Structure formats: C-alpha cells, structure tokens
Amino acid sequence: MQLPDFASFFSGRKPVKKIQDGNLVYLDGAPLLGALKLPRVAVIGMAVLMGVAAALGVWAFSQYYDATANAPKRAQEELQANLSREVDLGLPVLSSFVGADNQTIIAAVEETGATIMNTTSEDEADAGDLELAKLPEGVGLDQAAAVRLQGVTKASPAQAALLLNGAWTMNVVRSNDGVSYRLHYCDLSATSAESAIAAAMAAEGFPAETATEAGVDDAGNNFQTGKIDVSGTTCTWRVSVCPLSAVYDISGFPEGAQYVGIRLTV
C-alpha cells in the first residue's frame, strides 16, 4: 500500500512527473506553465493571521467603545456611590478640649477608633499648635496622602467624594491672646446654609439661645456666633458656611452641599 504524500498535500504541489524519451529521463515542465498557487501551509497561515487580526480588531474596537461610551457612565455611578455612602462623620466636640494639651487631644480623638492623620507641620509644632485630619471609613493613609499631595481638585470627582465624605480637619492654634479650636468639613447632606449651620451647632452642643449674632460676613459666608460657658470659662463660638462649590471646583456634587467651619475661642 502506498502512503499518501503529506508533504505534497500541505505544499499544494503535485509530485513532478518524470518523462523518459529513449535513454533520456527528464522532469515534466508542464507544471511551470500552469497558474501559480500558494502552498497550503501559506494559505492556512494567512487564514490564521487574518482571523487573529480580525479578533484583535474586534477587541480593540470594544475597548475603544467601552472607554468612550461606558466609562463616563461608570464614573458617574462611582461618584454617586461615594456620595451616598453612609459614613460616620464623628465630629469632635471642641469644647471637650478646652484646657487640654495636644497629646491629650490626640489621645481623645484616637480613642474613637477613627483613622487619624497628624498633619502638623514642624513650624506649627514648634509654636505649640496642632493639626489633625480624620479619614473616612475605608480610606487608607496611603490613598489619602496621594490625593492630598496632588490636591483634591485634581482628583477625579469619584475620588474627591470618597475622600471628603466623612472627613474633617481640626486645628488648635495657641497664641498670647488665647487658644482657638477650629474644625472644617463638608456637609454633603445639607440642603441650604441654614441647615448646615443648624447641624453644626447641634453636633457641637451650641444652644440656639446662646447665639448673639447671625448674618453674612464680608467674605460672603453665612454665619452664627455666640458665647458658651465651659467649666467656668467663657468661650466664643462661631459657625460659618459657604457653598462647597466655592471651595472645590468639582462637578457632580449635590447643589446644597456646604463647606463648614467651626471655631471655638478661649
């Protein structure tokens, strides 16, 4: 039994005939006069390459379409998810720090279990001042430091919402005139300046009847101010708010969101 000529099958060439003319034997030249055909291996290889190229083209188009059509939608969904996260703002009560040194204040804040960054500069530390930043739940120190380094306004709206929702910064400034305790945060659930001020006063325990003045200051901020007694010491409190959009140029945040500043001066 004669085995099939596999080499001839894949090459697409038929075995070359030999012609004998008397004592002369020579190859049949007829195949050279026929149409030129690619070997089967080349045809199969080209088909495979064309299939791979087509698959890559479809994949590249799907990636491009996903980036142009679906990416904005995903970014908006991520932003809304970060804005609507239920997080504990955990505002410190400034009046509880009156008379305390910096180490006592740090210990009291850390006892809450929140993730705290001590962002006090060397100059502030030399002056006896203190700056602390509370991170939202689920945000690590490395992630917060990276966004802080580049600036919140340069982060994506979703990243900014993740970092701002549930965060606050507190400063303790000591001078010859006394001590000032300052707290800043974003109230994303506020619907107006008045609602943000009322929420801040309630969180800090500033009774409405202790207010002595309210209105709009020279910078355009809505405020209320008053006096309270803390362990026999008269302290002046002030709550100021402005639209969050006036501080951070970030699209997609709630219209009523407010940037809140609370100050207690001894």
Protein backbone atom coordinates (compact mmCIF):
# COMPACT_ATOMS: atom_id res chain seq x y z
CA MET A 1 0.00 0.00 0.00
CA GLN A 2 1.36 3.40 -0.99
CA LEU A 3 1.32 6.02 1.79
CA PRO A 4 -0.15 9.45 0.97
CA ASP A 5 2.31 12.15 0.12
CA PHE A 6 1.70 14.51 3.10
CA ALA A 7 4.39 16.92 2.00
CA SER A 8 2.66 17.31 -1.32
CA PHE A 9 -0.70 17.84 0.40
CA PHE A 10 0.48 20.70 2.61
CA SER A 11 2.63 22.30 -0.02
CA GLY A 12 -0.13 22.19 -2.58
CA ARG A 13 2.26 20.76 -5.18
CA LYS A 14 1.67 17.57 -7.07
CA PRO A 15 4.55 15.13 -7.48
CA VAL A 16 6.61 16.06 -10.50
CA LYS A 17 6.30 13.55 -13.29
CA LYS A 18 9.32 12.12 -14.99
CA ILE A 19 9.29 11.65 -18.74
CA GLN A 20 11.55 9.13 -20.42
CA ASP A 21 12.50 9.64 -24.01
CA GLY A 22 14.62 6.79 -25.07
CA ASN A 23 17.63 6.77 -22.84
CA LEU A 24 16.86 10.30 -21.61
CA VAL A 25 14.85 10.91 -18.46
CA TYR A 26 13.75 14.48 -17.65
CA LEU A 27 11.23 16.25 -15.43
CA ASP A 28 7.88 17.24 -16.85
CA GLY A 29 7.86 21.05 -17.25
CA ALA A 30 4.08 21.32 -17.63
CA PRO A 31 3.51 22.47 -14.02
CA LEU A 32 5.64 25.53 -14.72
CA LEU A 33 3.18 26.61 -17.39
CA GLY A 34 0.13 26.46 -15.07
CA ALA A 35 -1.27 29.08 -12.71
CA LEU A 36 0.91 29.89 -9.71
CA LYS A 37 -0.67 28.61 -6.47
CA LEU A 38 0.33 29.32 -2.90
CA PRO A 39 1.25 26.31 -0.81
CA ARG A 40 -1.48 25.08 1.50
CA VAL A 41 0.67 25.87 4.54
CA ALA A 42 0.90 29.51 3.42
CA VAL A 43 -2.86 29.66 2.77
CA ILE A 44 -3.63 28.17 6.19
CA GLY A 45 -1.12 30.52 7.86
CA MET A 46 -2.63 33.56 6.15
CA ALA A 47 -6.12 32.47 7.20
CA VAL A 48 -4.98 32.11 10.82
CA LEU A 49 -3.30 35.52 10.75
CA MET A 50 -6.40 37.12 9.25
CA GLY A 51 -8.53 35.52 11.97
CA VAL A 52 -6.22 36.77 14.72
CA ALA A 53 -6.15 40.26 13.18
CA ALA A 54 -9.94 40.30 12.99
CA ALA A 55 -10.23 39.19 16.63
CA LEU A 56 -7.76 41.87 17.72
CA GLY A 57 -9.67 44.45 15.74
CA VAL A 58 -12.95 43.50 17.40
CA TRP A 59 -11.28 43.60 20.84
CA ALA A 60 -9.67 46.99 20.18
CA PHE A 61 -12.98 48.42 18.98
CA SER A 62 -14.80 47.06 22.03
CA GLN A 63 -12.19 48.64 24.31
CA TYR A 64 -12.46 51.96 22.49
CA TYR A 65 -16.25 51.88 22.57
CA ASP A 66 -16.24 50.95 26.26
CA ALA A 67 -13.86 53.81 27.06
CA THR A 68 -15.84 56.40 25.11
CA ALA A 69 -19.40 55.24 25.77
CA ASN A 70 -19.40 53.39 29.08
CA ALA A 71 -16.53 54.97 31.05
CA PRO A 72 -18.41 58.24 31.77
CA LYS A 73 -21.41 56.25 32.95
CA ARG A 74 -19.26 54.14 35.26
CA ALA A 75 -17.53 57.26 36.61
CA GLN A 76 -20.92 58.83 37.40
CA GLU A 77 -22.11 55.65 39.11
CA GLU A 78 -18.91 55.54 41.19
CA LEU A 79 -19.36 59.20 42.14
CA GLN A 80 -22.95 58.67 43.26
CA ALA A 81 -21.95 55.57 45.23
CA ASN A 82 -19.24 57.50 47.09
CA LEU A 83 -21.55 60.45 47.75
CA SER A 84 -24.31 58.25 49.14
CA ARG A 85 -22.06 56.15 51.38
CA GLU A 86 -23.34 56.06 54.94
CA VAL A 87 -20.30 57.12 56.93
CA ASP A 88 -19.91 58.37 60.48
CA LEU A 89 -18.60 61.93 60.36
CA GLY A 90 -17.73 61.65 64.05
CA LEU A 91 -17.15 65.34 64.67
CA PRO A 92 -15.09 66.02 67.79
CA VAL A 93 -16.76 68.28 70.36
CA LEU A 94 -14.39 71.24 70.54
CA SER A 95 -15.50 72.33 74.00
CA SER A 96 -14.25 69.00 75.40
CA PHE A 97 -10.68 70.01 74.52
CA VAL A 98 -10.65 73.30 76.43
CA GLY A 99 -7.67 73.27 78.79
CA ALA A 100 -6.21 70.06 77.32
CA ASP A 101 -2.71 69.76 75.90
CA ASN A 102 -2.03 68.43 72.40
CA GLN A 103 -1.19 64.87 73.47
CA THR A 104 -4.42 64.64 75.44
CA ILE A 105 -6.37 65.89 72.42
CA ILE A 106 -4.68 63.36 70.11
CA ALA A 107 -5.38 60.51 72.53
CA ALA A 108 -9.04 61.52 72.86
CA VAL A 109 -9.52 61.62 69.10
CA GLU A 110 -7.75 58.30 68.53
CA GLU A 111 -9.89 56.62 71.20
CA THR A 112 -12.88 56.95 68.87
CA GLY A 113 -11.32 54.32 66.60
CA ALA A 114 -11.24 56.62 63.58
CA THR A 115 -8.22 56.75 61.28
CA ILE A 116 -6.38 59.96 62.14
CA MET A 117 -3.52 61.65 60.31
CA ASN A 118 -1.31 64.03 62.27
CA THR A 119 -0.59 66.67 59.64
CA THR A 120 1.05 69.17 61.98
CA SER A 121 3.96 70.94 60.31
CA GLU A 122 7.29 71.46 62.04
CA ASP A 123 6.63 75.18 62.42
CA GLU A 124 3.18 74.52 63.90
CA ALA A 125 4.61 72.01 66.34
CA ASP A 126 7.29 74.49 67.44
CA ALA A 127 4.55 77.04 68.11
CA GLY A 128 2.58 74.52 70.17
CA ASP A 129 -0.14 74.21 67.51
CA LEU A 130 -1.78 71.04 66.26
CA GLU A 131 -3.41 69.85 63.04
CA LEU A 132 -5.26 66.56 62.71
CA ALA A 133 -7.20 65.05 59.82
CA LYS A 134 -9.80 62.32 60.17
CA LEU A 135 -10.13 59.95 57.20
CA PRO A 136 -13.43 58.47 56.04
CA GLU A 137 -14.10 54.82 56.72
CA GLY A 138 -12.48 52.59 54.11
CA VAL A 139 -9.87 55.14 53.06
CA GLY A 140 -6.26 54.21 53.83
CA LEU A 141 -3.45 56.53 54.81
CA ASP A 142 -1.57 55.94 51.54
CA GLN A 143 -4.64 56.67 49.43
CA ALA A 144 -5.43 59.84 51.38
CA ALA A 145 -1.82 61.02 51.25
CA ALA A 146 -1.72 60.54 47.46
CA VAL A 147 -4.87 62.60 46.89
CA ARG A 148 -3.73 65.21 49.40
CA LEU A 149 -0.38 65.50 47.59
CA GLN A 150 -1.93 66.14 44.18
CA GLY A 151 -4.79 68.21 45.56
CA VAL A 152 -8.45 67.31 45.90
CA THR A 153 -9.47 69.43 42.91
CA LYS A 154 -7.08 67.48 40.66
CA ALA A 155 -8.55 64.15 41.70
CA SER A 156 -11.49 62.63 39.86
CA PRO A 157 -14.95 63.56 41.23
CA ALA A 158 -15.36 59.99 42.50
CA GLN A 159 -12.01 60.11 44.32
CA ALA A 160 -12.81 63.52 45.79
CA ALA A 161 -16.19 62.29 47.03
CA LEU A 162 -14.56 59.24 48.61
CA LEU A 163 -12.05 61.42 50.46
CA LEU A 164 -14.39 64.25 51.51
CA ASN A 165 -17.45 62.28 52.59
CA GLY A 166 -16.88 61.55 56.27
CA ALA A 167 -13.64 63.50 56.70
CA TRP A 168 -12.73 66.53 58.80
CA THR A 169 -9.67 68.57 59.75
CA MET A 170 -9.05 70.15 63.14
CA ASN A 171 -6.56 72.84 64.12
CA VAL A 172 -5.55 74.01 67.57
CA VAL A 173 -3.85 77.41 67.42
CA ARG A 174 -2.23 78.75 70.58
CA SER A 175 -1.20 82.41 70.97
CA ASN A 176 -0.78 85.08 73.61
CA ASP A 177 -4.44 86.01 73.09
CA GLY A 178 -5.69 82.52 73.94
CA VAL A 179 -6.46 79.24 72.22
CA SER A 180 -8.55 78.75 69.08
CA TYR A 181 -10.03 75.34 68.20
CA ARG A 182 -11.06 75.09 64.54
CA LEU A 183 -12.91 72.37 62.68
CA HIS A 184 -13.61 72.10 58.93
CA TYR A 185 -15.61 69.53 56.96
CA CYS A 186 -18.01 69.08 54.05
CA ASP A 187 -21.72 68.70 54.76
CA LEU A 188 -22.88 66.75 51.71
CA SER A 189 -26.36 66.19 53.13
CA ALA A 190 -27.09 69.89 53.66
CA THR A 191 -29.86 71.45 51.61
CA SER A 192 -29.02 75.04 52.50
CA ALA A 193 -26.65 77.21 54.51
CA GLU A 194 -29.17 77.37 57.34
CA SER A 195 -29.48 73.58 57.58
CA ALA A 196 -25.69 73.18 57.64
CA ILE A 197 -25.34 75.76 60.43
CA ALA A 198 -28.09 74.13 62.48
CA ALA A 199 -26.48 70.69 62.09
CA ALA A 200 -23.07 72.03 63.14
CA MET A 201 -24.48 73.77 66.21
CA ALA A 202 -26.28 70.59 67.25
CA ALA A 203 -23.15 68.47 66.80
CA GLU A 204 -21.04 70.84 68.92
CA GLY A 205 -23.67 71.47 71.57
CA PHE A 206 -24.09 75.18 70.88
CA PRO A 207 -27.64 76.05 72.05
CA ALA A 208 -29.54 78.35 69.70
CA GLU A 209 -30.33 80.69 72.61
CA THR A 210 -26.60 81.37 73.11
CA ALA A 211 -26.30 82.93 69.64
CA THR A 212 -25.61 86.64 69.71
CA GLU A 213 -25.32 87.40 66.01
CA ALA A 214 -26.15 85.89 62.62
CA GLY A 215 -25.87 87.00 59.03
CA VAL A 216 -23.43 87.16 56.13
CA ASP A 217 -19.81 88.21 56.70
CA ASP A 218 -17.55 90.24 54.40
CA ALA A 219 -16.40 87.08 52.60
CA GLY A 220 -19.99 86.14 51.76
CA ASN A 221 -20.20 83.30 54.28
CA ASN A 222 -23.37 82.69 56.27
CA PHE A 223 -22.61 82.53 59.98
CA GLN A 224 -23.88 82.44 63.52
CA THR A 225 -21.84 83.31 66.59
CA GLY A 226 -22.39 83.29 70.32
CA LYS A 227 -20.92 82.54 73.73
CA ILE A 228 -21.00 79.49 76.00
CA ASP A 229 -19.57 78.67 79.40
CA VAL A 230 -17.12 75.75 79.57
CA SER A 231 -16.18 74.81 83.15
CA GLY A 232 -16.34 78.42 84.26
CA THR A 233 -14.54 79.75 81.19
CA THR A 234 -16.40 81.94 78.72
CA CYS A 235 -15.79 80.76 75.14
CA THR A 236 -16.86 82.35 71.87
CA TRP A 237 -18.18 80.03 69.18
CA ARG A 238 -18.73 80.71 65.51
CA VAL A 239 -20.13 78.58 62.70
CA SER A 240 -19.54 79.72 59.12
CA VAL A 241 -20.63 78.01 55.92
CA CYS A 242 -20.35 78.57 52.20
CA PRO A 243 -21.31 76.52 49.14
CA LEU A 244 -18.91 73.62 48.66
CA SER A 245 -18.53 74.68 45.02
CA ALA A 246 -16.90 77.91 46.23
CA VAL A 247 -14.07 75.88 47.78
CA TYR A 248 -13.74 72.87 45.48
CA ASP A 249 -14.35 73.05 41.74
CA ILE A 250 -15.70 69.51 41.46
CA SER A 251 -18.62 68.60 39.22
CA GLY A 252 -21.39 66.25 40.27
CA PHE A 253 -21.64 67.18 43.96
CA PRO A 254 -25.06 67.99 45.49
CA GLU A 255 -26.17 71.57 44.91
CA GLY A 256 -26.92 72.18 48.58
CA ALA A 257 -23.59 70.81 49.84
CA GLN A 258 -21.80 73.22 52.18
CA TYR A 259 -18.26 73.72 53.40
CA VAL A 260 -18.46 74.19 57.17
CA GLY A 261 -16.06 75.91 59.53
CA ILE A 262 -16.49 75.83 63.31
CA ARG A 263 -14.36 77.86 65.68
CA LEU A 264 -14.26 77.94 69.47
CA THR A 265 -12.06 80.61 71.01
CA VAL A 266 -10.93 80.72 74.64
